[in-house]
Amino acid sequence: KWGFIAYPERQTDFDHKRWLYETVGKRHVVCEMTDLSHQ
């Protein structure tokens, strides 16, 4: 039931974003933020 804080899909691909979405898998994203400090 974990809901994740992730990046917007349109944001450029990079290591942390790829790993995060692999970790999320089929679970849901509760909100999106472009900056890691904001997350």
PDB file of all heavy atoms in Angstrom:
ATOM      1  N   LYS A   1       0.810  -1.216   0.000  1.00  0.00           N
ATOM      2  CA  LYS A   1       0.000   0.000   0.000  1.00  0.00           C
ATOM      3  C   LYS A   1       0.846   1.270   0.000  1.00  0.00           C
ATOM      4  O   LYS A   1       0.292   2.376   0.094  1.00  0.00           O
ATOM      5  CB  LYS A   1      -0.939  -0.002   1.205  1.00  0.00           C
ATOM      6  CG  LYS A   1      -1.990  -1.097   1.172  1.00  0.00           C
ATOM      7  CD  LYS A   1      -2.933  -0.967   2.358  1.00  0.00           C
ATOM      8  CE  LYS A   1      -4.010  -2.063   2.327  1.00  0.00           C
ATOM      9  NZ  LYS A   1      -4.931  -1.932   3.481  1.00  0.00           N
ATOM     10  N   TRP A   2       2.156   1.140  -0.093  1.00  0.00           N
ATOM     11  CA  TRP A   2       3.001   2.326  -0.098  1.00  0.00           C
ATOM     12  C   TRP A   2       2.660   3.230  -1.280  1.00  0.00           C
ATOM     13  O   TRP A   2       2.575   2.768  -2.429  1.00  0.00           O
ATOM     14  CB  TRP A   2       4.476   1.929  -0.175  1.00  0.00           C
ATOM     15  CG  TRP A   2       5.015   1.355   1.108  1.00  0.00           C
ATOM     16  CD1 TRP A   2       4.410   1.356   2.334  1.00  0.00           C
ATOM     17  CD2 TRP A   2       6.276   0.699   1.281  1.00  0.00           C
ATOM     18  NE1 TRP A   2       5.214   0.747   3.276  1.00  0.00           N
ATOM     19  CE2 TRP A   2       6.372   0.322   2.653  1.00  0.00           C
ATOM     20  CE3 TRP A   2       7.319   0.378   0.430  1.00  0.00           C
ATOM     21  CZ2 TRP A   2       7.470  -0.343   3.173  1.00  0.00           C
ATOM     22  CZ3 TRP A   2       8.427  -0.288   0.939  1.00  0.00           C
ATOM     23  CH2 TRP A   2       8.498  -0.647   2.299  1.00  0.00           C
ATOM     24  N   GLY A   3       2.487   4.495  -0.997  1.00  0.00           N
ATOM     25  CA  GLY A   3       2.330   5.495  -2.045  1.00  0.00           C
ATOM     26  C   GLY A   3       3.610   6.299  -2.137  1.00  0.00           C
ATOM     27  O   GLY A   3       4.131   6.771  -1.122  1.00  0.00           O
ATOM     28  N   PHE A   4       4.151   6.467  -3.348  1.00  0.00           N
ATOM     29  CA  PHE A   4       5.500   7.018  -3.515  1.00  0.00           C
ATOM     30  C   PHE A   4       5.506   8.485  -3.934  1.00  0.00           C
ATOM     31  O   PHE A   4       4.598   8.967  -4.618  1.00  0.00           O
ATOM     32  CB  PHE A   4       6.269   6.190  -4.541  1.00  0.00           C
ATOM     33  CG  PHE A   4       6.729   4.863  -4.029  1.00  0.00           C
ATOM     34  CD1 PHE A   4       5.853   3.776  -3.976  1.00  0.00           C
ATOM     35  CD2 PHE A   4       8.011   4.692  -3.559  1.00  0.00           C
ATOM     36  CE1 PHE A   4       6.274   2.546  -3.492  1.00  0.00           C
ATOM     37  CE2 PHE A   4       8.445   3.470  -3.064  1.00  0.00           C
ATOM     38  CZ  PHE A   4       7.571   2.400  -3.030  1.00  0.00           C
ATOM     39  N   ILE A   5       6.551   9.150  -3.509  1.00  0.00           N
ATOM     40  CA  ILE A   5       6.849  10.510  -3.965  1.00  0.00           C
ATOM     41  C   ILE A   5       7.868  10.355  -5.093  1.00  0.00           C
ATOM     42  O   ILE A   5       8.968   9.840  -4.876  1.00  0.00           O
ATOM     43  CB  ILE A   5       7.438  11.348  -2.817  1.00  0.00           C
ATOM     44  CG1 ILE A   5       6.469  11.368  -1.626  1.00  0.00           C
ATOM     45  CG2 ILE A   5       7.751  12.762  -3.285  1.00  0.00           C
ATOM     46  CD1 ILE A   5       7.115  11.807  -0.327  1.00  0.00           C
ATOM     47  N   ALA A   6       7.497  10.776  -6.280  1.00  0.00           N
ATOM     48  CA  ALA A   6       8.332  10.491  -7.454  1.00  0.00           C
ATOM     49  C   ALA A   6       8.512  11.751  -8.306  1.00  0.00           C
ATOM     50  O   ALA A   6       8.148  12.860  -7.900  1.00  0.00           O
ATOM     51  CB  ALA A   6       7.703   9.365  -8.270  1.00  0.00           C
ATOM     52  N   TYR A   7       9.114  11.549  -9.485  1.00  0.00           N
ATOM     53  CA  TYR A   7       9.370  12.637 -10.425  1.00  0.00           C
ATOM     54  C   TYR A   7       8.286  12.672 -11.505  1.00  0.00           C
ATOM     55  O   TYR A   7       7.720  11.635 -11.856  1.00  0.00           O
ATOM     56  CB  TYR A   7      10.722  12.435 -11.121  1.00  0.00           C
ATOM     57  CG  TYR A   7      11.918  12.524 -10.207  1.00  0.00           C
ATOM     58  CD1 TYR A   7      12.491  11.376  -9.669  1.00  0.00           C
ATOM     59  CD2 TYR A   7      12.486  13.753  -9.893  1.00  0.00           C
ATOM     60  CE1 TYR A   7      13.601  11.450  -8.837  1.00  0.00           C
ATOM     61  CE2 TYR A   7      13.597  13.838  -9.068  1.00  0.00           C
ATOM     62  CZ  TYR A   7      14.146  12.690  -8.539  1.00  0.00           C
ATOM     63  OH  TYR A   7      15.230  12.775  -7.719  1.00  0.00           O
ATOM     64  N   PRO A   8       8.009  13.849 -12.084  1.00  0.00           N
ATOM     65  CA  PRO A   8       7.108  13.910 -13.241  1.00  0.00           C
ATOM     66  C   PRO A   8       7.664  13.082 -14.397  1.00  0.00           C
ATOM     67  O   PRO A   8       8.884  13.055 -14.609  1.00  0.00           O
ATOM     68  CB  PRO A   8       7.080  15.398 -13.590  1.00  0.00           C
ATOM     69  CG  PRO A   8       7.495  16.098 -12.340  1.00  0.00           C
ATOM     70  CD  PRO A   8       8.472  15.181 -11.660  1.00  0.00           C
ATOM     71  N   GLU A   9       6.806  12.433 -15.129  1.00  0.00           N
ATOM     72  CA  GLU A   9       7.253  11.573 -16.226  1.00  0.00           C
ATOM     73  C   GLU A   9       7.999  12.350 -17.297  1.00  0.00           C
ATOM     74  O   GLU A   9       8.911  11.826 -17.942  1.00  0.00           O
ATOM     75  CB  GLU A   9       6.059  10.840 -16.844  1.00  0.00           C
ATOM     76  CG  GLU A   9       5.476   9.756 -15.945  1.00  0.00           C
ATOM     77  CD  GLU A   9       4.421   8.928 -16.650  1.00  0.00           C
ATOM     78  OE1 GLU A   9       4.292   9.054 -17.889  1.00  0.00           O
ATOM     79  OE2 GLU A   9       3.718   8.166 -15.973  1.00  0.00           O
ATOM     80  N   ARG A  10       7.620  13.595 -17.520  1.00  0.00           N
ATOM     81  CA  ARG A  10       8.254  14.391 -18.577  1.00  0.00           C
ATOM     82  C   ARG A  10       9.666  14.846 -18.214  1.00  0.00           C
ATOM     83  O   ARG A  10      10.410  15.328 -19.069  1.00  0.00           O
ATOM     84  CB  ARG A  10       7.400  15.607 -18.916  1.00  0.00           C
ATOM     85  CG  ARG A  10       7.299  16.627 -17.788  1.00  0.00           C
ATOM     86  CD  ARG A  10       6.448  17.811 -18.216  1.00  0.00           C
ATOM     87  NE  ARG A  10       6.393  18.829 -17.181  1.00  0.00           N
ATOM     88  CZ  ARG A  10       5.757  19.992 -17.311  1.00  0.00           C
ATOM     89  NH1 ARG A  10       5.135  20.267 -18.433  1.00  0.00           N
ATOM     90  NH2 ARG A  10       5.757  20.872 -16.324  1.00  0.00           N
ATOM     91  N   GLN A  11      10.049  14.691 -16.943  1.00  0.00           N
ATOM     92  CA  GLN A  11      11.386  15.102 -16.516  1.00  0.00           C
ATOM     93  C   GLN A  11      12.441  14.194 -17.132  1.00  0.00           C
ATOM     94  O   GLN A  11      12.243  12.994 -17.301  1.00  0.00           O
ATOM     95  CB  GLN A  11      11.485  15.064 -14.993  1.00  0.00           C
ATOM     96  CG  GLN A  11      12.700  15.785 -14.435  1.00  0.00           C
ATOM     97  CD  GLN A  11      12.593  15.983 -12.932  1.00  0.00           C
ATOM     98  OE1 GLN A  11      11.563  15.713 -12.331  1.00  0.00           O
ATOM     99  NE2 GLN A  11      13.663  16.467 -12.316  1.00  0.00           N
ATOM    100  N   THR A  12      13.579  14.773 -17.463  1.00  0.00           N
ATOM    101  CA  THR A  12      14.669  14.030 -18.091  1.00  0.00           C
ATOM    102  C   THR A  12      15.038  12.792 -17.286  1.00  0.00           C
ATOM    103  O   THR A  12      15.056  12.820 -16.060  1.00  0.00           O
ATOM    104  CB  THR A  12      15.911  14.938 -18.226  1.00  0.00           C
ATOM    105  OG1 THR A  12      15.543  16.119 -18.914  1.00  0.00           O
ATOM    106  CG2 THR A  12      17.018  14.232 -19.002  1.00  0.00           C
ATOM    107  N   ASP A  13      15.369  11.707 -18.005  1.00  0.00           N
ATOM    108  CA  ASP A  13      15.717  10.441 -17.356  1.00  0.00           C
ATOM    109  C   ASP A  13      17.104  10.523 -16.714  1.00  0.00           C
ATOM    110  O   ASP A  13      18.023  11.117 -17.269  1.00  0.00           O
ATOM    111  CB  ASP A  13      15.685   9.323 -18.399  1.00  0.00           C
ATOM    112  CG  ASP A  13      15.606   7.955 -17.758  1.00  0.00           C
ATOM    113  OD1 ASP A  13      15.046   7.856 -16.658  1.00  0.00           O
ATOM    114  OD2 ASP A  13      16.102   6.991 -18.362  1.00  0.00           O
ATOM    115  N   PHE A  14      17.250   9.940 -15.519  1.00  0.00           N
ATOM    116  CA  PHE A  14      18.543   9.870 -14.838  1.00  0.00           C
ATOM    117  C   PHE A  14      18.495   8.728 -13.832  1.00  0.00           C
ATOM    118  O   PHE A  14      17.438   8.113 -13.609  1.00  0.00           O
ATOM    119  CB  PHE A  14      18.902  11.203 -14.168  1.00  0.00           C
ATOM    120  CG  PHE A  14      17.809  11.773 -13.303  1.00  0.00           C
ATOM    121  CD1 PHE A  14      17.765  11.533 -11.944  1.00  0.00           C
ATOM    122  CD2 PHE A  14      16.814  12.563 -13.875  1.00  0.00           C
ATOM    123  CE1 PHE A  14      16.761  12.055 -11.153  1.00  0.00           C
ATOM    124  CE2 PHE A  14      15.796  13.092 -13.093  1.00  0.00           C
ATOM    125  CZ  PHE A  14      15.762  12.832 -11.730  1.00  0.00           C
ATOM    126  N   ASP A  15      19.647   8.418 -13.221  1.00  0.00           N
ATOM    127  CA  ASP A  15      19.779   7.204 -12.406  1.00  0.00           C
ATOM    128  C   ASP A  15      18.748   7.109 -11.286  1.00  0.00           C
ATOM    129  O   ASP A  15      18.114   6.077 -11.106  1.00  0.00           O
ATOM    130  CB  ASP A  15      21.193   7.124 -11.796  1.00  0.00           C
ATOM    131  CG  ASP A  15      22.256   6.835 -12.831  1.00  0.00           C
ATOM    132  OD1 ASP A  15      21.904   6.239 -13.869  1.00  0.00           O
ATOM    133  OD2 ASP A  15      23.426   7.190 -12.606  1.00  0.00           O
ATOM    134  N   HIS A  16      18.602   8.180 -10.513  1.00  0.00           N
ATOM    135  CA  HIS A  16      17.687   8.122  -9.374  1.00  0.00           C
ATOM    136  C   HIS A  16      16.239   7.946  -9.828  1.00  0.00           C
ATOM    137  O   HIS A  16      15.479   7.182  -9.213  1.00  0.00           O
ATOM    138  CB  HIS A  16      17.813   9.393  -8.529  1.00  0.00           C
ATOM    139  CG  HIS A  16      16.979   9.368  -7.284  1.00  0.00           C
ATOM    140  ND1 HIS A  16      15.844  10.124  -7.152  1.00  0.00           N
ATOM    141  CD2 HIS A  16      17.107   8.666  -6.126  1.00  0.00           C
ATOM    142  CE1 HIS A  16      15.296   9.896  -5.959  1.00  0.00           C
ATOM    143  NE2 HIS A  16      16.042   9.021  -5.316  1.00  0.00           N
ATOM    144  N   LYS A  17      15.850   8.610 -10.892  1.00  0.00           N
ATOM    145  CA  LYS A  17      14.479   8.486 -11.401  1.00  0.00           C
ATOM    146  C   LYS A  17      14.214   7.069 -11.897  1.00  0.00           C
ATOM    147  O   LYS A  17      13.165   6.483 -11.597  1.00  0.00           O
ATOM    148  CB  LYS A  17      14.241   9.501 -12.509  1.00  0.00           C
ATOM    149  CG  LYS A  17      12.813   9.454 -13.061  1.00  0.00           C
ATOM    150  CD  LYS A  17      12.613  10.435 -14.198  1.00  0.00           C
ATOM    151  CE  LYS A  17      11.204  10.312 -14.770  1.00  0.00           C
ATOM    152  NZ  LYS A  17      10.984  11.210 -15.911  1.00  0.00           N
ATOM    153  N   ARG A  18      15.173   6.489 -12.642  1.00  0.00           N
ATOM    154  CA  ARG A  18      14.988   5.127 -13.152  1.00  0.00           C
ATOM    155  C   ARG A  18      14.851   4.127 -12.006  1.00  0.00           C
ATOM    156  O   ARG A  18      13.951   3.286 -12.005  1.00  0.00           O
ATOM    157  CB  ARG A  18      16.168   4.729 -14.050  1.00  0.00           C
ATOM    158  CG  ARG A  18      16.149   5.361 -15.421  1.00  0.00           C
ATOM    159  CD  ARG A  18      17.133   4.670 -16.357  1.00  0.00           C
ATOM    160  NE  ARG A  18      18.494   4.757 -15.869  1.00  0.00           N
ATOM    161  CZ  ARG A  18      19.309   5.771 -16.147  1.00  0.00           C
ATOM    162  NH1 ARG A  18      18.890   6.776 -16.906  1.00  0.00           N
ATOM    163  NH2 ARG A  18      20.540   5.799 -15.671  1.00  0.00           N
ATOM    164  N   TRP A  19      15.744   4.236 -11.027  1.00  0.00           N
ATOM    165  CA  TRP A  19      15.688   3.313  -9.882  1.00  0.00           C
ATOM    166  C   TRP A  19      14.374   3.465  -9.118  1.00  0.00           C
ATOM    167  O   TRP A  19      13.751   2.476  -8.725  1.00  0.00           O
ATOM    168  CB  TRP A  19      16.866   3.577  -8.945  1.00  0.00           C
ATOM    169  CG  TRP A  19      16.703   2.930  -7.607  1.00  0.00           C
ATOM    170  CD1 TRP A  19      16.838   1.609  -7.293  1.00  0.00           C
ATOM    171  CD2 TRP A  19      16.331   3.587  -6.384  1.00  0.00           C
ATOM    172  NE1 TRP A  19      16.587   1.392  -5.959  1.00  0.00           N
ATOM    173  CE2 TRP A  19      16.269   2.585  -5.376  1.00  0.00           C
ATOM    174  CE3 TRP A  19      16.053   4.913  -6.036  1.00  0.00           C
ATOM    175  CZ2 TRP A  19      15.945   2.886  -4.054  1.00  0.00           C
ATOM    176  CZ3 TRP A  19      15.728   5.207  -4.726  1.00  0.00           C
ATOM    177  CH2 TRP A  19      15.680   4.198  -3.754  1.00  0.00           C
ATOM    178  N   LEU A  20      13.951   4.706  -8.933  1.00  0.00           N
ATOM    179  CA  LEU A  20      12.737   4.958  -8.154  1.00  0.00           C
ATOM    180  C   LEU A  20      11.516   4.327  -8.813  1.00  0.00           C
ATOM    181  O   LEU A  20      10.707   3.664  -8.150  1.00  0.00           O
ATOM    182  CB  LEU A  20      12.541   6.457  -7.976  1.00  0.00           C
ATOM    183  CG  LEU A  20      11.413   6.898  -7.035  1.00  0.00           C
ATOM    184  CD1 LEU A  20      11.608   6.304  -5.654  1.00  0.00           C
ATOM    185  CD2 LEU A  20      11.351   8.416  -6.962  1.00  0.00           C
ATOM    186  N   TYR A  21      11.392   4.487 -10.132  1.00  0.00           N
ATOM    187  CA  TYR A  21      10.221   3.927 -10.805  1.00  0.00           C
ATOM    188  C   TYR A  21      10.289   2.398 -10.892  1.00  0.00           C
ATOM    189  O   TYR A  21       9.251   1.727 -10.893  1.00  0.00           O
ATOM    190  CB  TYR A  21      10.038   4.563 -12.180  1.00  0.00           C
ATOM    191  CG  TYR A  21       9.247   5.855 -12.099  1.00  0.00           C
ATOM    192  CD1 TYR A  21       9.892   7.091 -12.140  1.00  0.00           C
ATOM    193  CD2 TYR A  21       7.872   5.837 -11.939  1.00  0.00           C
ATOM    194  CE1 TYR A  21       9.175   8.274 -12.032  1.00  0.00           C
ATOM    195  CE2 TYR A  21       7.143   7.015 -11.841  1.00  0.00           C
ATOM    196  CZ  TYR A  21       7.797   8.228 -11.889  1.00  0.00           C
ATOM    197  OH  TYR A  21       7.086   9.399 -11.774  1.00  0.00           O
ATOM    198  N   GLU A  22      11.497   1.846 -10.955  1.00  0.00           N
ATOM    199  CA  GLU A  22      11.626   0.385 -10.871  1.00  0.00           C
ATOM    200  C   GLU A  22      11.183  -0.108  -9.495  1.00  0.00           C
ATOM    201  O   GLU A  22      10.567  -1.163  -9.359  1.00  0.00           O
ATOM    202  CB  GLU A  22      13.076  -0.025 -11.135  1.00  0.00           C
ATOM    203  CG  GLU A  22      13.504   0.109 -12.584  1.00  0.00           C
ATOM    204  CD  GLU A  22      14.993  -0.114 -12.768  1.00  0.00           C
ATOM    205  OE1 GLU A  22      15.676  -0.431 -11.756  1.00  0.00           O
ATOM    206  OE2 GLU A  22      15.481   0.031 -13.906  1.00  0.00           O
ATOM    207  N   THR A  23      11.477   0.667  -8.460  1.00  0.00           N
ATOM    208  CA  THR A  23      11.091   0.317  -7.099  1.00  0.00           C
ATOM    209  C   THR A  23       9.584   0.449  -6.897  1.00  0.00           C
ATOM    210  O   THR A  23       8.956  -0.372  -6.229  1.00  0.00           O
ATOM    211  CB  THR A  23      11.834   1.212  -6.088  1.00  0.00           C
ATOM    212  OG1 THR A  23      13.249   1.079  -6.281  1.00  0.00           O
ATOM    213  CG2 THR A  23      11.492   0.840  -4.657  1.00  0.00           C
ATOM    214  N   VAL A  24       9.008   1.485  -7.479  1.00  0.00           N
ATOM    215  CA  VAL A  24       7.561   1.690  -7.366  1.00  0.00           C
ATOM    216  C   VAL A  24       6.798   0.510  -7.969  1.00  0.00           C
ATOM    217  O   VAL A  24       5.846   0.000  -7.375  1.00  0.00           O
ATOM    218  CB  VAL A  24       7.144   3.009  -8.053  1.00  0.00           C
ATOM    219  CG1 VAL A  24       5.619   3.117  -8.107  1.00  0.00           C
ATOM    220  CG2 VAL A  24       7.736   4.209  -7.333  1.00  0.00           C
ATOM    221  N   GLY A  25       7.242   0.058  -9.142  1.00  0.00           N
ATOM    222  CA  GLY A  25       6.576  -1.060  -9.799  1.00  0.00           C
ATOM    223  C   GLY A  25       5.120  -0.758 -10.088  1.00  0.00           C
ATOM    224  O   GLY A  25       4.776   0.262 -10.690  1.00  0.00           O
ATOM    225  N   LYS A  26       4.227  -1.614  -9.626  1.00  0.00           N
ATOM    226  CA  LYS A  26       2.787  -1.452  -9.875  1.00  0.00           C
ATOM    227  C   LYS A  26       2.090  -0.643  -8.783  1.00  0.00           C
ATOM    228  O   LYS A  26       0.876  -0.430  -8.840  1.00  0.00           O
ATOM    229  CB  LYS A  26       2.128  -2.823 -10.011  1.00  0.00           C
ATOM    230  CG  LYS A  26       2.610  -3.608 -11.232  1.00  0.00           C
ATOM    231  CD  LYS A  26       1.887  -4.936 -11.337  1.00  0.00           C
ATOM    232  CE  LYS A  26       2.359  -5.704 -12.572  1.00  0.00           C
ATOM    233  NZ  LYS A  26       1.666  -7.015 -12.707  1.00  0.00           N
ATOM    234  N   ARG A  27       2.849  -0.232  -7.776  1.00  0.00           N
ATOM    235  CA  ARG A  27       2.261   0.584  -6.731  1.00  0.00           C
ATOM    236  C   ARG A  27       2.033   2.017  -7.236  1.00  0.00           C
ATOM    237  O   ARG A  27       2.539   2.402  -8.287  1.00  0.00           O
ATOM    238  CB  ARG A  27       3.144   0.555  -5.485  1.00  0.00           C
ATOM    239  CG  ARG A  27       3.170  -0.818  -4.809  1.00  0.00           C
ATOM    240  CD  ARG A  27       4.187  -0.928  -3.697  1.00  0.00           C
ATOM    241  NE  ARG A  27       5.560  -0.930  -4.179  1.00  0.00           N
ATOM    242  CZ  ARG A  27       6.609  -1.254  -3.424  1.00  0.00           C
ATOM    243  NH1 ARG A  27       6.436  -1.581  -2.150  1.00  0.00           N
ATOM    244  NH2 ARG A  27       7.825  -1.235  -3.925  1.00  0.00           N
ATOM    245  N   HIS A  28       1.285   2.791  -6.496  1.00  0.00           N
ATOM    246  CA  HIS A  28       0.883   4.096  -7.019  1.00  0.00           C
ATOM    247  C   HIS A  28       1.828   5.207  -6.558  1.00  0.00           C
ATOM    248  O   HIS A  28       2.545   5.068  -5.554  1.00  0.00           O
ATOM    249  CB  HIS A  28      -0.559   4.424  -6.616  1.00  0.00           C
ATOM    250  CG  HIS A  28      -0.735   4.799  -5.182  1.00  0.00           C
ATOM    251  ND1 HIS A  28      -0.683   3.883  -4.151  1.00  0.00           N
ATOM    252  CD2 HIS A  28      -0.959   6.017  -4.589  1.00  0.00           C
ATOM    253  CE1 HIS A  28      -0.883   4.486  -3.011  1.00  0.00           C
ATOM    254  NE2 HIS A  28      -1.049   5.777  -3.231  1.00  0.00           N
ATOM    255  N   VAL A  29       1.828   6.290  -7.314  1.00  0.00           N
ATOM    256  CA  VAL A  29       2.582   7.498  -6.985  1.00  0.00           C
ATOM    257  C   VAL A  29       1.599   8.496  -6.391  1.00  0.00           C
ATOM    258  O   VAL A  29       0.622   8.878  -7.042  1.00  0.00           O
ATOM    259  CB  VAL A  29       3.270   8.077  -8.233  1.00  0.00           C
ATOM    260  CG1 VAL A  29       3.884   9.441  -7.924  1.00  0.00           C
ATOM    261  CG2 VAL A  29       4.332   7.120  -8.754  1.00  0.00           C
ATOM    262  N   VAL A  30       1.878   8.928  -5.168  1.00  0.00           N
ATOM    263  CA  VAL A  30       0.941   9.818  -4.487  1.00  0.00           C
ATOM    264  C   VAL A  30       1.156  11.275  -4.873  1.00  0.00           C
ATOM    265  O   VAL A  30       0.221  12.077  -4.890  1.00  0.00           O
ATOM    266  CB  VAL A  30       1.039   9.639  -2.952  1.00  0.00           C
ATOM    267  CG1 VAL A  30       2.383  10.085  -2.421  1.00  0.00           C
ATOM    268  CG2 VAL A  30      -0.087  10.364  -2.240  1.00  0.00           C
ATOM    269  N   CYS A  31       2.408  11.637  -5.217  1.00  0.00           N
ATOM    270  CA  CYS A  31       2.683  12.998  -5.683  1.00  0.00           C
ATOM    271  C   CYS A  31       4.010  13.010  -6.435  1.00  0.00           C
ATOM    272  O   CYS A  31       4.819  12.088  -6.317  1.00  0.00           O
ATOM    273  CB  CYS A  31       2.703  14.001  -4.533  1.00  0.00           C
ATOM    274  SG  CYS A  31       4.053  13.773  -3.353  1.00  0.00           S
ATOM    275  N   GLU A  32       4.212  14.059  -7.228  1.00  0.00           N
ATOM    276  CA  GLU A  32       5.426  14.199  -8.041  1.00  0.00           C
ATOM    277  C   GLU A  32       6.113  15.527  -7.710  1.00  0.00           C
ATOM    278  O   GLU A  32       5.446  16.558  -7.591  1.00  0.00           O
ATOM    279  CB  GLU A  32       5.086  14.160  -9.526  1.00  0.00           C
ATOM    280  CG  GLU A  32       4.480  12.846  -9.989  1.00  0.00           C
ATOM    281  CD  GLU A  32       4.063  12.864 -11.438  1.00  0.00           C
ATOM    282  OE1 GLU A  32       3.795  13.972 -11.970  1.00  0.00           O
ATOM    283  OE2 GLU A  32       3.997  11.776 -12.043  1.00  0.00           O
ATOM    284  N   MET A  33       7.437  15.487  -7.596  1.00  0.00           N
ATOM    285  CA  MET A  33       8.219  16.692  -7.332  1.00  0.00           C
ATOM    286  C   MET A  33       9.522  16.590  -8.120  1.00  0.00           C
ATOM    287  O   MET A  33      10.145  15.526  -8.180  1.00  0.00           O
ATOM    288  CB  MET A  33       8.495  16.859  -5.838  1.00  0.00           C
ATOM    289  CG  MET A  33       7.256  16.748  -4.975  1.00  0.00           C
ATOM    290  SD  MET A  33       7.480  17.331  -3.279  1.00  0.00           S
ATOM    291  CE  MET A  33       7.232  19.086  -3.502  1.00  0.00           C
ATOM    292  N   THR A  34       9.946  17.694  -8.723  1.00  0.00           N
ATOM    293  CA  THR A  34      11.098  17.667  -9.616  1.00  0.00           C
ATOM    294  C   THR A  34      12.439  17.687  -8.903  1.00  0.00           C
ATOM    295  O   THR A  34      13.463  17.390  -9.498  1.00  0.00           O
ATOM    296  CB  THR A  34      11.066  18.868 -10.581  1.00  0.00           C
ATOM    297  OG1 THR A  34      11.069  20.083  -9.816  1.00  0.00           O
ATOM    298  CG2 THR A  34       9.828  18.836 -11.462  1.00  0.00           C
ATOM    299  N   ASP A  35      12.452  18.036  -7.607  1.00  0.00           N
ATOM    300  CA  ASP A  35      13.709  18.208  -6.886  1.00  0.00           C
ATOM    301  C   ASP A  35      13.784  17.226  -5.718  1.00  0.00           C
ATOM    302  O   ASP A  35      12.814  17.049  -4.967  1.00  0.00           O
ATOM    303  CB  ASP A  35      13.819  19.647  -6.373  1.00  0.00           C
ATOM    304  CG  ASP A  35      15.148  19.918  -5.691  1.00  0.00           C
ATOM    305  OD1 ASP A  35      16.122  20.190  -6.408  1.00  0.00           O
ATOM    306  OD2 ASP A  35      15.210  19.826  -4.455  1.00  0.00           O
ATOM    307  N   LEU A  36      14.937  16.583  -5.549  1.00  0.00           N
ATOM    308  CA  LEU A  36      15.110  15.577  -4.499  1.00  0.00           C
ATOM    309  C   LEU A  36      14.968  16.180  -3.104  1.00  0.00           C
ATOM    310  O   LEU A  36      14.424  15.540  -2.197  1.00  0.00           O
ATOM    311  CB  LEU A  36      16.473  14.903  -4.657  1.00  0.00           C
ATOM    312  CG  LEU A  36      16.807  13.751  -3.706  1.00  0.00           C
ATOM    313  CD1 LEU A  36      15.734  12.672  -3.734  1.00  0.00           C
ATOM    314  CD2 LEU A  36      18.164  13.148  -4.077  1.00  0.00           C
ATOM    315  N   SER A  37      15.424  17.394  -2.903  1.00  0.00           N
ATOM    316  CA  SER A  37      15.278  18.043  -1.604  1.00  0.00           C
ATOM    317  C   SER A  37      13.808  18.278  -1.269  1.00  0.00           C
ATOM    318  O   SER A  37      13.390  18.167  -0.112  1.00  0.00           O
ATOM    319  CB  SER A  37      16.036  19.380  -1.583  1.00  0.00           C
ATOM    320  OG  SER A  37      17.427  19.169  -1.665  1.00  0.00           O
ATOM    321  N   HIS A  38      13.008  18.577  -2.276  1.00  0.00           N
ATOM    322  CA  HIS A  38      11.574  18.757  -2.065  1.00  0.00           C
ATOM    323  C   HIS A  38      10.911  17.416  -1.747  1.00  0.00           C
ATOM    324  O   HIS A  38       9.989  17.358  -0.913  1.00  0.00           O
ATOM    325  CB  HIS A  38      10.930  19.390  -3.300  1.00  0.00           C
ATOM    326  CG  HIS A  38      11.444  20.755  -3.607  1.00  0.00           C
ATOM    327  ND1 HIS A  38      11.295  21.350  -4.844  1.00  0.00           N
ATOM    328  CD2 HIS A  38      12.135  21.648  -2.842  1.00  0.00           C
ATOM    329  CE1 HIS A  38      11.850  22.548  -4.827  1.00  0.00           C
ATOM    330  NE2 HIS A  38      12.377  22.747  -3.620  1.00  0.00           N
ATOM    331  N   GLN A  39      11.369  16.352  -2.388  1.00  0.00           N
ATOM    332  CA  GLN A  39      10.846  15.021  -2.079  1.00  0.00           C
ATOM    333  C   GLN A  39      11.149  14.654  -0.623  1.00  0.00           C
ATOM    334  O   GLN A  39      10.322  14.044   0.062  1.00  0.00           O
ATOM    335  CB  GLN A  39      11.445  13.987  -3.030  1.00  0.00           C
ATOM    336  CG  GLN A  39      11.005  14.147  -4.473  1.00  0.00           C
ATOM    337  CD  GLN A  39      11.662  13.147  -5.401  1.00  0.00           C
ATOM    338  OE1 GLN A  39      12.321  12.206  -4.958  1.00  0.00           O
ATOM    339  NE2 GLN A  39      11.489  13.338  -6.706  1.00  0.00           N
TER     340      GLN A  39
END
